[in-house]
Amino acid sequence: MALVILGHPDIEKSLANRTIIEELKDSDPAVEIRNLSMLYPDYHIDARAEQEALLRHEAVIFQYPLYWYSMPAILKHWFDIVFEYQFAYGSRGDKLKDKYFIPSFTVGAPEREYNPLGQHHFRIHEFCKNLEQTAYYAGMKYTDPVYFHGTSVNAGYTEEDIKSKAKLHARRLTEKLAELQN
């Protein structure tokens, strides 16, 4: 069973992330989804409840939209509160050891803009180094991120295109989870 930490600040307005979550629910009812914005609209995160959820699962998917080359504020705050000393790191902080850390996100802009000569200057994987280090520091098994570009209708992508890519994204996550269980 996998845990999904949904870090989208307004999932109802997100066609891409909402579709991914719906597809994950449909494909595997055993997946636990924790919608941080719904659980903690005031940002008062219950560290113990979140830690207990982490302990119940062997794989953790962090689902969010890429905001300003990083994660939304509520997800960053979640890490600050939940990945505590002596839980996620420290001399007795081995509670997440060997659990899978799966970054899963959506990117509004097209892929061609994420390269040294593009508008965003870096490749997507370069924006994931902090995630990778967090996983390693907590003793988790980092996996390559699952992501896709072109989620913004403002950039000319159709709702049909976005939904189709989001369904494929969810399928890739489901396949990744199946591979990790073998």
C-alpha atoms as a PDB file:
ATOM      1  CA  MET A   1       0.000   0.000   0.000  1.00  0.00           C
ATOM      2  CA  ALA A   2       1.208   3.507  -0.838  1.00  0.00           C
ATOM      3  CA  LEU A   3       0.687   6.883   0.744  1.00  0.00           C
ATOM      4  CA  VAL A   4       0.088   9.958  -1.393  1.00  0.00           C
ATOM      5  CA  ILE A   5       0.908  13.300   0.173  1.00  0.00           C
ATOM      6  CA  LEU A   6      -1.066  15.727  -1.965  1.00  0.00           C
ATOM      7  CA  GLY A   7       0.515  19.159  -1.774  1.00  0.00           C
ATOM      8  CA  HIS A   8      -1.716  21.054  -4.180  1.00  0.00           C
ATOM      9  CA  PRO A   9      -3.100  24.224  -2.564  1.00  0.00           C
ATOM     10  CA  ASP A  10      -6.380  24.093  -4.549  1.00  0.00           C
ATOM     11  CA  ILE A  11      -6.948  20.669  -6.105  1.00  0.00           C
ATOM     12  CA  GLU A  12     -10.438  21.554  -7.358  1.00  0.00           C
ATOM     13  CA  LYS A  13      -8.916  24.105  -9.751  1.00  0.00           C
ATOM     14  CA  SER A  14      -6.282  21.699 -11.051  1.00  0.00           C
ATOM     15  CA  LEU A  15      -7.313  19.511 -13.948  1.00  0.00           C
ATOM     16  CA  ALA A  16      -3.945  17.728 -14.079  1.00  0.00           C
ATOM     17  CA  ASN A  17      -3.404  16.955 -10.390  1.00  0.00           C
ATOM     18  CA  ARG A  18      -7.095  16.233  -9.765  1.00  0.00           C
ATOM     19  CA  THR A  19      -7.127  13.745 -12.659  1.00  0.00           C
ATOM     20  CA  ILE A  20      -3.975  12.043 -11.362  1.00  0.00           C
ATOM     21  CA  ILE A  21      -5.523  11.636  -7.902  1.00  0.00           C
ATOM     22  CA  GLU A  22      -8.830  10.361  -9.303  1.00  0.00           C
ATOM     23  CA  GLU A  23      -7.014   7.823 -11.473  1.00  0.00           C
ATOM     24  CA  LEU A  24      -4.900   6.632  -8.543  1.00  0.00           C
ATOM     25  CA  LYS A  25      -8.025   6.163  -6.416  1.00  0.00           C
ATOM     26  CA  ASP A  26      -9.711   4.208  -9.209  1.00  0.00           C
ATOM     27  CA  SER A  27      -6.695   2.014  -9.964  1.00  0.00           C
ATOM     28  CA  ASP A  28      -5.828   1.123  -6.375  1.00  0.00           C
ATOM     29  CA  PRO A  29      -8.359   1.654  -3.598  1.00  0.00           C
ATOM     30  CA  ALA A  30      -5.671   0.713  -1.063  1.00  0.00           C
ATOM     31  CA  VAL A  31      -3.776   3.937  -1.766  1.00  0.00           C
ATOM     32  CA  GLU A  32      -4.127   6.398   1.112  1.00  0.00           C
ATOM     33  CA  ILE A  33      -4.348  10.015  -0.023  1.00  0.00           C
ATOM     34  CA  ARG A  34      -3.709  12.848   2.403  1.00  0.00           C
ATOM     35  CA  ASN A  35      -4.810  16.169   0.934  1.00  0.00           C
ATOM     36  CA  LEU A  36      -2.788  18.660   2.965  1.00  0.00           C
ATOM     37  CA  SER A  37      -4.842  21.722   2.006  1.00  0.00           C
ATOM     38  CA  MET A  38      -8.047  20.007   3.002  1.00  0.00           C
ATOM     39  CA  LEU A  39      -6.628  18.569   6.239  1.00  0.00           C
ATOM     40  CA  TYR A  40      -4.738  21.712   7.238  1.00  0.00           C
ATOM     41  CA  PRO A  41      -6.259  24.832   5.629  1.00  0.00           C
ATOM     42  CA  ASP A  42      -4.754  26.838   8.512  1.00  0.00           C
ATOM     43  CA  TYR A  43      -1.295  25.202   7.995  1.00  0.00           C
ATOM     44  CA  HIS A  44      -1.388  23.754  11.542  1.00  0.00           C
ATOM     45  CA  ILE A  45      -0.051  20.356  10.551  1.00  0.00           C
ATOM     46  CA  ASP A  46      -0.470  17.499  13.012  1.00  0.00           C
ATOM     47  CA  ALA A  47       3.027  16.005  12.935  1.00  0.00           C
ATOM     48  CA  ARG A  48       2.022  12.868  14.853  1.00  0.00           C
ATOM     49  CA  ALA A  49      -0.903  12.048  12.546  1.00  0.00           C
ATOM     50  CA  GLU A  50       1.307  12.550   9.498  1.00  0.00           C
ATOM     51  CA  GLN A  51       4.112  10.458  10.965  1.00  0.00           C
ATOM     52  CA  GLU A  52       1.673   7.665  11.772  1.00  0.00           C
ATOM     53  CA  ALA A  53       0.472   7.744   8.155  1.00  0.00           C
ATOM     54  CA  LEU A  54       4.072   7.508   6.935  1.00  0.00           C
ATOM     55  CA  LEU A  55       4.744   4.535   9.198  1.00  0.00           C
ATOM     56  CA  ARG A  56       1.808   2.604   7.704  1.00  0.00           C
ATOM     57  CA  HIS A  57       3.305   2.597   4.191  1.00  0.00           C
ATOM     58  CA  GLU A  58       6.384   1.424   2.355  1.00  0.00           C
ATOM     59  CA  ALA A  59       6.104   3.915  -0.506  1.00  0.00           C
ATOM     60  CA  VAL A  60       5.329   7.623  -0.317  1.00  0.00           C
ATOM     61  CA  ILE A  61       4.296   9.627  -3.366  1.00  0.00           C
ATOM     62  CA  PHE A  62       4.613  13.386  -3.077  1.00  0.00           C
ATOM     63  CA  GLN A  63       2.092  14.802  -5.580  1.00  0.00           C
ATOM     64  CA  TYR A  64       2.150  18.524  -6.381  1.00  0.00           C
ATOM     65  CA  PRO A  65       2.406  21.140  -9.103  1.00  0.00           C
ATOM     66  CA  LEU A  66       5.826  22.699  -9.672  1.00  0.00           C
ATOM     67  CA  TYR A  67       5.560  26.266  -8.314  1.00  0.00           C
ATOM     68  CA  TRP A  68       8.442  28.621  -8.905  1.00  0.00           C
ATOM     69  CA  TYR A  69      10.820  25.682  -9.441  1.00  0.00           C
ATOM     70  CA  SER A  70       9.845  24.077  -6.160  1.00  0.00           C
ATOM     71  CA  MET A  71       6.912  22.665  -4.226  1.00  0.00           C
ATOM     72  CA  PRO A  72       3.920  24.653  -2.942  1.00  0.00           C
ATOM     73  CA  ALA A  73       4.321  26.244   0.483  1.00  0.00           C
ATOM     74  CA  ILE A  74       2.034  23.795   2.301  1.00  0.00           C
ATOM     75  CA  LEU A  75       4.130  20.821   1.182  1.00  0.00           C
ATOM     76  CA  LYS A  76       7.387  22.517   2.189  1.00  0.00           C
ATOM     77  CA  HIS A  77       5.833  23.329   5.558  1.00  0.00           C
ATOM     78  CA  TRP A  78       4.728  19.691   5.860  1.00  0.00           C
ATOM     79  CA  PHE A  79       8.351  18.546   5.437  1.00  0.00           C
ATOM     80  CA  ASP A  80       9.526  21.122   8.004  1.00  0.00           C
ATOM     81  CA  ILE A  81       7.008  19.888  10.585  1.00  0.00           C
ATOM     82  CA  VAL A  82       6.842  16.129   9.886  1.00  0.00           C
ATOM     83  CA  PHE A  83      10.458  15.204   9.104  1.00  0.00           C
ATOM     84  CA  GLU A  84      11.520  15.893  12.679  1.00  0.00           C
ATOM     85  CA  TYR A  85      14.763  15.199  14.455  1.00  0.00           C
ATOM     86  CA  GLN A  86      14.698  11.663  15.916  1.00  0.00           C
ATOM     87  CA  PHE A  87      11.901  10.714  13.509  1.00  0.00           C
ATOM     88  CA  ALA A  88      13.327  11.285  10.043  1.00  0.00           C
ATOM     89  CA  TYR A  89      16.946  11.875  11.032  1.00  0.00           C
ATOM     90  CA  GLY A  90      19.207  11.910  14.055  1.00  0.00           C
ATOM     91  CA  SER A  91      20.689   9.102  16.145  1.00  0.00           C
ATOM     92  CA  ARG A  92      17.228   7.488  16.552  1.00  0.00           C
ATOM     93  CA  GLY A  93      15.648   9.061  13.486  1.00  0.00           C
ATOM     94  CA  ASP A  94      15.361   5.984  11.344  1.00  0.00           C
ATOM     95  CA  LYS A  95      11.571   5.700  11.104  1.00  0.00           C
ATOM     96  CA  LEU A  96      11.546   6.267   7.336  1.00  0.00           C
ATOM     97  CA  LYS A  97      14.542   4.069   6.578  1.00  0.00           C
ATOM     98  CA  ASP A  98      14.151   2.068   3.358  1.00  0.00           C
ATOM     99  CA  LYS A  99      10.747   3.526   2.485  1.00  0.00           C
ATOM    100  CA  TYR A 100      10.407   4.675  -1.116  1.00  0.00           C
ATOM    101  CA  PHE A 101      10.357   8.418  -1.785  1.00  0.00           C
ATOM    102  CA  ILE A 102       8.554   9.124  -5.072  1.00  0.00           C
ATOM    103  CA  PRO A 103       8.369  12.716  -6.326  1.00  0.00           C
ATOM    104  CA  SER A 104       5.373  13.181  -8.622  1.00  0.00           C
ATOM    105  CA  PHE A 105       4.582  16.576 -10.058  1.00  0.00           C
ATOM    106  CA  THR A 106       3.159  18.539 -12.934  1.00  0.00           C
ATOM    107  CA  VAL A 107       4.851  21.328 -14.871  1.00  0.00           C
ATOM    108  CA  GLY A 108       2.877  24.053 -16.609  1.00  0.00           C
ATOM    109  CA  ALA A 109       5.408  25.016 -19.271  1.00  0.00           C
ATOM    110  CA  PRO A 110       6.520  22.887 -22.218  1.00  0.00           C
ATOM    111  CA  GLU A 111       9.544  20.614 -21.890  1.00  0.00           C
ATOM    112  CA  ARG A 112      11.520  22.526 -24.519  1.00  0.00           C
ATOM    113  CA  GLU A 113      11.777  25.489 -22.117  1.00  0.00           C
ATOM    114  CA  TYR A 114      13.623  23.440 -19.486  1.00  0.00           C
ATOM    115  CA  ASN A 115      17.171  23.251 -20.819  1.00  0.00           C
ATOM    116  CA  PRO A 116      20.329  25.399 -20.658  1.00  0.00           C
ATOM    117  CA  LEU A 117      19.206  27.448 -23.667  1.00  0.00           C
ATOM    118  CA  GLY A 118      15.526  27.571 -22.723  1.00  0.00           C
ATOM    119  CA  GLN A 119      13.541  30.124 -20.794  1.00  0.00           C
ATOM    120  CA  HIS A 120      13.962  28.215 -17.501  1.00  0.00           C
ATOM    121  CA  HIS A 121      17.692  27.405 -18.023  1.00  0.00           C
ATOM    122  CA  PHE A 122      17.732  24.079 -16.185  1.00  0.00           C
ATOM    123  CA  ARG A 123      16.427  20.581 -16.753  1.00  0.00           C
ATOM    124  CA  ILE A 124      13.669  19.402 -14.432  1.00  0.00           C
ATOM    125  CA  HIS A 125      15.901  16.905 -12.617  1.00  0.00           C
ATOM    126  CA  GLU A 126      18.085  19.784 -11.467  1.00  0.00           C
ATOM    127  CA  PHE A 127      15.146  21.183  -9.494  1.00  0.00           C
ATOM    128  CA  CYS A 128      14.806  17.868  -7.640  1.00  0.00           C
ATOM    129  CA  LYS A 129      18.166  17.803  -5.865  1.00  0.00           C
ATOM    130  CA  ASN A 130      16.665  19.037  -2.587  1.00  0.00           C
ATOM    131  CA  LEU A 131      14.120  16.204  -2.708  1.00  0.00           C
ATOM    132  CA  GLU A 132      16.796  13.650  -3.418  1.00  0.00           C
ATOM    133  CA  GLN A 133      18.944  14.902  -0.548  1.00  0.00           C
ATOM    134  CA  THR A 134      15.953  14.916   1.813  1.00  0.00           C
ATOM    135  CA  ALA A 135      15.244  11.290   0.953  1.00  0.00           C
ATOM    136  CA  TYR A 136      18.868  10.266   1.461  1.00  0.00           C
ATOM    137  CA  TYR A 137      19.129  12.176   4.738  1.00  0.00           C
ATOM    138  CA  ALA A 138      16.047  10.356   6.033  1.00  0.00           C
ATOM    139  CA  GLY A 139      17.397   6.977   4.870  1.00  0.00           C
ATOM    140  CA  MET A 140      14.698   6.640   2.236  1.00  0.00           C
ATOM    141  CA  LYS A 141      15.052   5.133  -1.226  1.00  0.00           C
ATOM    142  CA  TYR A 142      14.716   7.992  -3.694  1.00  0.00           C
ATOM    143  CA  THR A 143      13.210   7.170  -7.066  1.00  0.00           C
ATOM    144  CA  ASP A 144      13.392   9.246 -10.202  1.00  0.00           C
ATOM    145  CA  PRO A 145      10.477  11.658 -10.325  1.00  0.00           C
ATOM    146  CA  VAL A 146       7.338  11.035 -12.330  1.00  0.00           C
ATOM    147  CA  TYR A 147       6.233  14.257 -14.020  1.00  0.00           C
ATOM    148  CA  PHE A 148       4.868  15.751 -17.184  1.00  0.00           C
ATOM    149  CA  HIS A 149       4.917  19.129 -18.881  1.00  0.00           C
ATOM    150  CA  GLY A 150       2.146  21.172 -20.415  1.00  0.00           C
ATOM    151  CA  THR A 151      -0.546  21.478 -17.785  1.00  0.00           C
ATOM    152  CA  SER A 152      -1.522  25.092 -18.304  1.00  0.00           C
ATOM    153  CA  VAL A 153      -4.562  25.944 -20.417  1.00  0.00           C
ATOM    154  CA  ASN A 154      -3.149  29.490 -20.365  1.00  0.00           C
ATOM    155  CA  ALA A 155      -0.174  28.188 -22.384  1.00  0.00           C
ATOM    156  CA  GLY A 156      -2.447  26.759 -25.050  1.00  0.00           C
ATOM    157  CA  TYR A 157      -2.878  23.185 -23.863  1.00  0.00           C
ATOM    158  CA  THR A 158      -6.383  21.799 -24.212  1.00  0.00           C
ATOM    159  CA  GLU A 159      -8.255  20.217 -21.333  1.00  0.00           C
ATOM    160  CA  GLU A 160      -8.369  16.984 -23.317  1.00  0.00           C
ATOM    161  CA  ASP A 161      -4.559  16.991 -23.748  1.00  0.00           C
ATOM    162  CA  ILE A 162      -3.979  17.708 -20.068  1.00  0.00           C
ATOM    163  CA  LYS A 163      -6.402  15.037 -18.916  1.00  0.00           C
ATOM    164  CA  SER A 164      -4.868  12.475 -21.265  1.00  0.00           C
ATOM    165  CA  LYS A 165      -1.347  13.228 -20.007  1.00  0.00           C
ATOM    166  CA  ALA A 166      -2.550  13.115 -16.394  1.00  0.00           C
ATOM    167  CA  LYS A 167      -4.087   9.671 -16.904  1.00  0.00           C
ATOM    168  CA  LEU A 168      -0.820   8.427 -18.411  1.00  0.00           C
ATOM    169  CA  HIS A 169       1.039   9.950 -15.451  1.00  0.00           C
ATOM    170  CA  ALA A 170      -1.187   8.058 -12.981  1.00  0.00           C
ATOM    171  CA  ARG A 171      -0.612   4.842 -14.914  1.00  0.00           C
ATOM    172  CA  ARG A 172       3.157   5.390 -14.702  1.00  0.00           C
ATOM    173  CA  LEU A 173       2.850   5.860 -10.924  1.00  0.00           C
ATOM    174  CA  THR A 174       0.795   2.688 -10.590  1.00  0.00           C
ATOM    175  CA  GLU A 175       3.367   0.766 -12.639  1.00  0.00           C
ATOM    176  CA  LYS A 176       6.199   2.188 -10.542  1.00  0.00           C
ATOM    177  CA  LEU A 177       4.474   1.065  -7.346  1.00  0.00           C
ATOM    178  CA  ALA A 178       3.978  -2.423  -8.784  1.00  0.00           C
ATOM    179  CA  GLU A 179       7.701  -2.604  -9.708  1.00  0.00           C
ATOM    180  CA  LEU A 180       8.735  -1.525  -6.203  1.00  0.00           C
ATOM    181  CA  GLN A 181       6.598  -4.229  -4.602  1.00  0.00           C
ATOM    182  CA  ASN A 182       8.342  -6.980  -6.594  1.00  0.00           C
END
